[in-house]
Amino acid sequence: MCIGSAIYTGGEQDVIEQFQVIQTVATLGLTLFVLGYAIGLMFLAPLAEALTIGRNPVYLTTLLIFVLFKFAVVYNPNIATLLAFRFLTGFIGSPVLTTDGASLADLWSRRKVAYAIGIWDVSAVCGPVLGPLCLVVLIFTLPETNVNTVLSKRVKRLRELTGNTRLKSEADLMTESIRFRDVGSASFFKPFQL
């Protein structure tokens, strides 16, 4: 995802030739990706902090959609489609780039989190080489890191083991009366309130 914005510039001349557009129009592919990223993080990143959703579903869903949108970028019939899907790939790819620090902070102590973030940032440079291998490993080994989601799943497992339906986590109690629409609206407005 990190390289998704800048990698476009290498093919900008091809865009100019293939679609017979001027440099300014061709450069919109980069601009719209970054704009989509900026807007997307306001809408999608807060979903990873929702008590009932967690980070992994947001990461995996947006990654899948990001890849599908990339196919639309590659196999587009005209400049308008290319630019629209460049915006959409930036929009849908934003949660991974904005909540990575939160996931690392969940996994590492305060003393070590700076090192973890440093290694994460360096990996952006090595990403094109090691990315596919890391993706396969992470898909099968990445644990959920949102504390409320982990606790809610543990309590659910305890309810099943003991048969005690009264066992509830704090997140369960907080979300009993919350509807999906409420989660969506809270996730939508929270960034603007901050």
C-alpha atoms as a PDB file:
ATOM      1  CA  MET A   1       0.000   0.000   0.000  1.00  0.00           C
ATOM      2  CA  CYS A   2       2.847   2.364   0.826  1.00  0.00           C
ATOM      3  CA  ILE A   3       4.179   2.314  -2.702  1.00  0.00           C
ATOM      4  CA  GLY A   4       0.700   2.577  -4.238  1.00  0.00           C
ATOM      5  CA  SER A   5       0.863   6.339  -4.654  1.00  0.00           C
ATOM      6  CA  ALA A   6       4.339   6.858  -6.083  1.00  0.00           C
ATOM      7  CA  ILE A   7       4.580   3.769  -8.289  1.00  0.00           C
ATOM      8  CA  TYR A   8       2.140   5.401 -10.688  1.00  0.00           C
ATOM      9  CA  THR A   9       4.655   8.072 -11.693  1.00  0.00           C
ATOM     10  CA  GLY A  10       6.855   5.521 -13.487  1.00  0.00           C
ATOM     11  CA  GLY A  11       4.060   4.845 -15.975  1.00  0.00           C
ATOM     12  CA  GLU A  12       2.837   8.406 -16.348  1.00  0.00           C
ATOM     13  CA  GLN A  13       4.391   8.796 -19.805  1.00  0.00           C
ATOM     14  CA  ASP A  14       2.568   5.642 -20.933  1.00  0.00           C
ATOM     15  CA  VAL A  15      -0.715   7.125 -19.683  1.00  0.00           C
ATOM     16  CA  ILE A  16      -0.047  10.268 -21.744  1.00  0.00           C
ATOM     17  CA  GLU A  17       0.615   8.212 -24.881  1.00  0.00           C
ATOM     18  CA  GLN A  18      -2.128   5.611 -24.445  1.00  0.00           C
ATOM     19  CA  PHE A  19      -4.941   8.033 -23.633  1.00  0.00           C
ATOM     20  CA  GLN A  20      -3.649  11.054 -25.587  1.00  0.00           C
ATOM     21  CA  VAL A  21      -3.836  13.401 -22.595  1.00  0.00           C
ATOM     22  CA  ILE A  22      -1.610  16.219 -21.391  1.00  0.00           C
ATOM     23  CA  GLN A  23       0.871  15.898 -18.516  1.00  0.00           C
ATOM     24  CA  THR A  24      -1.441  17.679 -16.076  1.00  0.00           C
ATOM     25  CA  VAL A  25      -4.262  15.194 -16.651  1.00  0.00           C
ATOM     26  CA  ALA A  26      -1.872  12.247 -16.382  1.00  0.00           C
ATOM     27  CA  THR A  27      -0.545  13.581 -13.067  1.00  0.00           C
ATOM     28  CA  LEU A  28      -4.084  13.495 -11.667  1.00  0.00           C
ATOM     29  CA  GLY A  29      -3.589   9.753 -11.137  1.00  0.00           C
ATOM     30  CA  LEU A  30      -1.093  10.483  -8.375  1.00  0.00           C
ATOM     31  CA  THR A  31      -3.071  13.415  -7.003  1.00  0.00           C
ATOM     32  CA  LEU A  32      -6.347  11.507  -6.842  1.00  0.00           C
ATOM     33  CA  PHE A  33      -4.724   8.523  -5.112  1.00  0.00           C
ATOM     34  CA  VAL A  34      -3.375  10.776  -2.355  1.00  0.00           C
ATOM     35  CA  LEU A  35      -6.711  12.620  -2.133  1.00  0.00           C
ATOM     36  CA  GLY A  36      -8.550   9.291  -1.842  1.00  0.00           C
ATOM     37  CA  TYR A  37      -6.110   8.260   0.856  1.00  0.00           C
ATOM     38  CA  ALA A  38      -6.706  11.492   2.790  1.00  0.00           C
ATOM     39  CA  ILE A  39     -10.482  11.190   2.577  1.00  0.00           C
ATOM     40  CA  GLY A  40     -10.553   7.422   3.121  1.00  0.00           C
ATOM     41  CA  LEU A  41      -8.701   7.534   6.399  1.00  0.00           C
ATOM     42  CA  MET A  42     -11.414   9.780   7.816  1.00  0.00           C
ATOM     43  CA  PHE A  43     -14.096   7.199   7.009  1.00  0.00           C
ATOM     44  CA  LEU A  44     -12.479   3.756   7.086  1.00  0.00           C
ATOM     45  CA  ALA A  45      -9.716   3.923   9.701  1.00  0.00           C
ATOM     46  CA  PRO A  46     -12.126   4.537  12.626  1.00  0.00           C
ATOM     47  CA  LEU A  47     -13.850   1.233  11.822  1.00  0.00           C
ATOM     48  CA  ALA A  48     -10.700  -0.550  13.038  1.00  0.00           C
ATOM     49  CA  GLU A  49     -11.266   1.012  16.464  1.00  0.00           C
ATOM     50  CA  ALA A  50     -14.926  -0.032  16.670  1.00  0.00           C
ATOM     51  CA  LEU A  51     -15.515  -2.336  19.644  1.00  0.00           C
ATOM     52  CA  THR A  52     -17.343  -5.019  17.701  1.00  0.00           C
ATOM     53  CA  ILE A  53     -15.303  -5.021  14.487  1.00  0.00           C
ATOM     54  CA  GLY A  54     -11.606  -5.042  15.362  1.00  0.00           C
ATOM     55  CA  ARG A  55      -8.652  -4.339  13.110  1.00  0.00           C
ATOM     56  CA  ASN A  56      -8.187  -7.603  11.213  1.00  0.00           C
ATOM     57  CA  PRO A  57     -11.538  -7.585   9.391  1.00  0.00           C
ATOM     58  CA  VAL A  58     -10.896  -3.998   8.299  1.00  0.00           C
ATOM     59  CA  TYR A  59      -7.338  -4.818   7.186  1.00  0.00           C
ATOM     60  CA  LEU A  60      -8.271  -7.937   5.241  1.00  0.00           C
ATOM     61  CA  THR A  61     -11.444  -6.572   3.637  1.00  0.00           C
ATOM     62  CA  THR A  62      -9.855  -3.339   2.476  1.00  0.00           C
ATOM     63  CA  LEU A  63      -6.784  -5.217   1.202  1.00  0.00           C
ATOM     64  CA  LEU A  64      -8.953  -7.514  -0.913  1.00  0.00           C
ATOM     65  CA  ILE A  65     -10.937  -4.599  -2.344  1.00  0.00           C
ATOM     66  CA  PHE A  66      -7.675  -2.674  -2.919  1.00  0.00           C
ATOM     67  CA  VAL A  67      -6.316  -5.547  -5.034  1.00  0.00           C
ATOM     68  CA  LEU A  68      -9.562  -5.796  -7.015  1.00  0.00           C
ATOM     69  CA  PHE A  69      -9.519  -2.052  -7.678  1.00  0.00           C
ATOM     70  CA  LYS A  70      -5.914  -2.362  -8.885  1.00  0.00           C
ATOM     71  CA  PHE A  71      -7.131  -4.726 -11.617  1.00  0.00           C
ATOM     72  CA  ALA A  72      -9.579  -2.017 -12.673  1.00  0.00           C
ATOM     73  CA  VAL A  73      -6.677   0.460 -12.819  1.00  0.00           C
ATOM     74  CA  VAL A  74      -4.629  -1.878 -15.015  1.00  0.00           C
ATOM     75  CA  TYR A  75      -7.427  -2.968 -17.363  1.00  0.00           C
ATOM     76  CA  ASN A  76      -9.227   0.334 -17.828  1.00  0.00           C
ATOM     77  CA  PRO A  77     -10.770   1.456 -21.128  1.00  0.00           C
ATOM     78  CA  ASN A  78     -10.235   5.217 -20.712  1.00  0.00           C
ATOM     79  CA  ILE A  79      -8.595   7.943 -18.641  1.00  0.00           C
ATOM     80  CA  ALA A  80     -11.759   8.642 -16.623  1.00  0.00           C
ATOM     81  CA  THR A  81     -11.906   5.034 -15.390  1.00  0.00           C
ATOM     82  CA  LEU A  82      -8.197   5.070 -14.591  1.00  0.00           C
ATOM     83  CA  LEU A  83      -8.508   8.253 -12.541  1.00  0.00           C
ATOM     84  CA  ALA A  84     -11.674   7.105 -10.755  1.00  0.00           C
ATOM     85  CA  PHE A  85     -10.074   3.841  -9.684  1.00  0.00           C
ATOM     86  CA  ARG A  86      -6.837   5.557  -8.653  1.00  0.00           C
ATOM     87  CA  PHE A  87      -8.971   7.622  -6.263  1.00  0.00           C
ATOM     88  CA  LEU A  88     -10.828   4.522  -5.046  1.00  0.00           C
ATOM     89  CA  THR A  89      -7.612   2.544  -4.462  1.00  0.00           C
ATOM     90  CA  GLY A  90      -6.258   5.396  -2.356  1.00  0.00           C
ATOM     91  CA  PHE A  91      -9.551   5.595  -0.469  1.00  0.00           C
ATOM     92  CA  ILE A  92      -9.835   1.876   0.253  1.00  0.00           C
ATOM     93  CA  GLY A  93      -6.122   1.444   1.037  1.00  0.00           C
ATOM     94  CA  SER A  94      -6.029   4.123   3.708  1.00  0.00           C
ATOM     95  CA  PRO A  95      -6.855   2.081   6.859  1.00  0.00           C
ATOM     96  CA  VAL A  96      -3.760  -0.085   6.561  1.00  0.00           C
ATOM     97  CA  LEU A  97      -1.495   2.947   6.418  1.00  0.00           C
ATOM     98  CA  THR A  98      -3.175   4.867   9.212  1.00  0.00           C
ATOM     99  CA  THR A  99      -3.799   2.222  11.861  1.00  0.00           C
ATOM    100  CA  ASP A 100      -0.493   0.381  11.595  1.00  0.00           C
ATOM    101  CA  GLY A 101       0.925   2.308  14.543  1.00  0.00           C
ATOM    102  CA  ALA A 102      -2.072   1.353  16.683  1.00  0.00           C
ATOM    103  CA  SER A 103      -1.584  -2.338  15.898  1.00  0.00           C
ATOM    104  CA  LEU A 104       2.112  -2.111  16.716  1.00  0.00           C
ATOM    105  CA  ALA A 105       1.334  -0.298  19.977  1.00  0.00           C
ATOM    106  CA  ASP A 106      -1.019  -3.165  20.896  1.00  0.00           C
ATOM    107  CA  LEU A 107       1.732  -5.728  20.317  1.00  0.00           C
ATOM    108  CA  TRP A 108       4.791  -4.036  21.825  1.00  0.00           C
ATOM    109  CA  SER A 109       5.565  -2.367  25.147  1.00  0.00           C
ATOM    110  CA  ARG A 110       5.978   1.409  25.264  1.00  0.00           C
ATOM    111  CA  ARG A 111       9.752   0.995  25.366  1.00  0.00           C
ATOM    112  CA  LYS A 112       9.889  -1.212  22.281  1.00  0.00           C
ATOM    113  CA  VAL A 113       7.127   0.254  20.132  1.00  0.00           C
ATOM    114  CA  ALA A 114       9.449   2.893  18.629  1.00  0.00           C
ATOM    115  CA  TYR A 115      11.741   0.134  17.341  1.00  0.00           C
ATOM    116  CA  ALA A 116       8.794  -1.793  15.963  1.00  0.00           C
ATOM    117  CA  ILE A 117       7.525   1.262  14.095  1.00  0.00           C
ATOM    118  CA  GLY A 118      11.041   1.938  12.764  1.00  0.00           C
ATOM    119  CA  ILE A 119      11.298  -1.596  11.396  1.00  0.00           C
ATOM    120  CA  TRP A 120       7.797  -1.276   9.955  1.00  0.00           C
ATOM    121  CA  ASP A 121       8.779   1.932   8.166  1.00  0.00           C
ATOM    122  CA  VAL A 122      11.984   0.417   6.750  1.00  0.00           C
ATOM    123  CA  SER A 123       9.945  -2.499   5.482  1.00  0.00           C
ATOM    124  CA  ALA A 124       8.211  -0.093   3.104  1.00  0.00           C
ATOM    125  CA  VAL A 125      11.494   0.130   1.202  1.00  0.00           C
ATOM    126  CA  CYS A 126      11.898  -3.659   1.169  1.00  0.00           C
ATOM    127  CA  GLY A 127       8.212  -4.231   0.508  1.00  0.00           C
ATOM    128  CA  PRO A 128       8.328  -4.943  -3.219  1.00  0.00           C
ATOM    129  CA  VAL A 129      10.812  -7.748  -2.617  1.00  0.00           C
ATOM    130  CA  LEU A 130       9.549  -9.256   0.628  1.00  0.00           C
ATOM    131  CA  GLY A 131       5.896  -8.195   0.472  1.00  0.00           C
ATOM    132  CA  PRO A 132       4.371 -11.274  -1.170  1.00  0.00           C
ATOM    133  CA  LEU A 133       6.118 -13.614   1.263  1.00  0.00           C
ATOM    134  CA  CYS A 134       5.111 -11.524   4.279  1.00  0.00           C
ATOM    135  CA  LEU A 135       1.506 -11.340   3.050  1.00  0.00           C
ATOM    136  CA  VAL A 136       1.173 -15.116   2.942  1.00  0.00           C
ATOM    137  CA  VAL A 137       2.680 -15.468   6.423  1.00  0.00           C
ATOM    138  CA  LEU A 138       0.514 -12.679   7.890  1.00  0.00           C
ATOM    139  CA  ILE A 139      -2.746 -13.964   6.437  1.00  0.00           C
ATOM    140  CA  PHE A 140      -2.328 -17.175   8.411  1.00  0.00           C
ATOM    141  CA  THR A 141      -0.609 -15.882  11.555  1.00  0.00           C
ATOM    142  CA  LEU A 142      -1.778 -12.303  12.223  1.00  0.00           C
ATOM    143  CA  PRO A 143      -3.554 -12.185  15.588  1.00  0.00           C
ATOM    144  CA  GLU A 144      -6.360  -9.784  16.415  1.00  0.00           C
ATOM    145  CA  THR A 145      -4.866  -6.962  18.490  1.00  0.00           C
ATOM    146  CA  ASN A 146      -7.875  -4.889  19.509  1.00  0.00           C
ATOM    147  CA  VAL A 147      -8.215  -5.532  23.262  1.00  0.00           C
ATOM    148  CA  ASN A 148     -12.006  -5.263  23.311  1.00  0.00           C
ATOM    149  CA  THR A 149     -12.411  -7.681  20.409  1.00  0.00           C
ATOM    150  CA  VAL A 150     -10.009 -10.227  21.949  1.00  0.00           C
ATOM    151  CA  LEU A 151     -11.762 -10.042  25.321  1.00  0.00           C
ATOM    152  CA  SER A 152     -15.194 -10.335  23.710  1.00  0.00           C
ATOM    153  CA  LYS A 153     -14.116 -13.498  21.848  1.00  0.00           C
ATOM    154  CA  ARG A 154     -12.661 -15.010  25.044  1.00  0.00           C
ATOM    155  CA  VAL A 155     -15.864 -14.367  26.966  1.00  0.00           C
ATOM    156  CA  LYS A 156     -17.901 -15.871  24.126  1.00  0.00           C
ATOM    157  CA  ARG A 157     -15.721 -18.997  24.275  1.00  0.00           C
ATOM    158  CA  LEU A 158     -16.191 -19.136  28.076  1.00  0.00           C
ATOM    159  CA  ARG A 159     -19.976 -18.865  27.640  1.00  0.00           C
ATOM    160  CA  GLU A 160     -19.889 -21.819  25.248  1.00  0.00           C
ATOM    161  CA  LEU A 161     -17.659 -23.902  27.556  1.00  0.00           C
ATOM    162  CA  THR A 162     -19.544 -23.208  30.779  1.00  0.00           C
ATOM    163  CA  GLY A 163     -23.053 -22.752  29.434  1.00  0.00           C
ATOM    164  CA  ASN A 164     -23.330 -19.565  31.502  1.00  0.00           C
ATOM    165  CA  THR A 165     -25.079 -17.062  29.231  1.00  0.00           C
ATOM    166  CA  ARG A 166     -24.690 -14.286  31.807  1.00  0.00           C
ATOM    167  CA  LEU A 167     -20.935 -13.964  31.177  1.00  0.00           C
ATOM    168  CA  LYS A 168     -20.302 -10.746  29.262  1.00  0.00           C
ATOM    169  CA  SER A 169     -17.268  -8.625  28.511  1.00  0.00           C
ATOM    170  CA  GLU A 170     -17.266  -4.870  28.906  1.00  0.00           C
ATOM    171  CA  ALA A 171     -17.434  -4.530  25.117  1.00  0.00           C
ATOM    172  CA  ASP A 172     -20.463  -6.867  25.027  1.00  0.00           C
ATOM    173  CA  LEU A 173     -22.231  -4.751  27.632  1.00  0.00           C
ATOM    174  CA  MET A 174     -21.419  -1.546  25.781  1.00  0.00           C
ATOM    175  CA  THR A 175     -22.583  -2.891  22.425  1.00  0.00           C
ATOM    176  CA  GLU A 176     -25.771  -4.713  23.463  1.00  0.00           C
ATOM    177  CA  SER A 177     -27.955  -1.783  22.553  1.00  0.00           C
ATOM    178  CA  ILE A 178     -25.822  -0.469  19.686  1.00  0.00           C
ATOM    179  CA  ARG A 179     -27.075  -1.040  16.175  1.00  0.00           C
ATOM    180  CA  PHE A 180     -24.835  -1.376  13.125  1.00  0.00           C
ATOM    181  CA  ARG A 181     -26.095   2.006  11.947  1.00  0.00           C
ATOM    182  CA  ASP A 182     -24.894   3.569  15.219  1.00  0.00           C
ATOM    183  CA  VAL A 183     -21.422   2.036  14.793  1.00  0.00           C
ATOM    184  CA  GLY A 184     -21.251   3.401  11.254  1.00  0.00           C
ATOM    185  CA  SER A 185     -22.328   6.892  12.218  1.00  0.00           C
ATOM    186  CA  ALA A 186     -19.971   6.962  15.228  1.00  0.00           C
ATOM    187  CA  SER A 187     -17.075   5.847  13.029  1.00  0.00           C
ATOM    188  CA  PHE A 188     -18.027   8.439  10.443  1.00  0.00           C
ATOM    189  CA  PHE A 189     -18.257  11.459  12.756  1.00  0.00           C
ATOM    190  CA  LYS A 190     -15.473  10.672  15.245  1.00  0.00           C
ATOM    191  CA  PRO A 191     -12.566  11.853  13.029  1.00  0.00           C
ATOM    192  CA  PHE A 192     -14.284  15.157  12.357  1.00  0.00           C
ATOM    193  CA  GLN A 193     -14.887  15.706  16.076  1.00  0.00           C
ATOM    194  CA  LEU A 194     -11.208  15.119  16.814  1.00  0.00           C
END
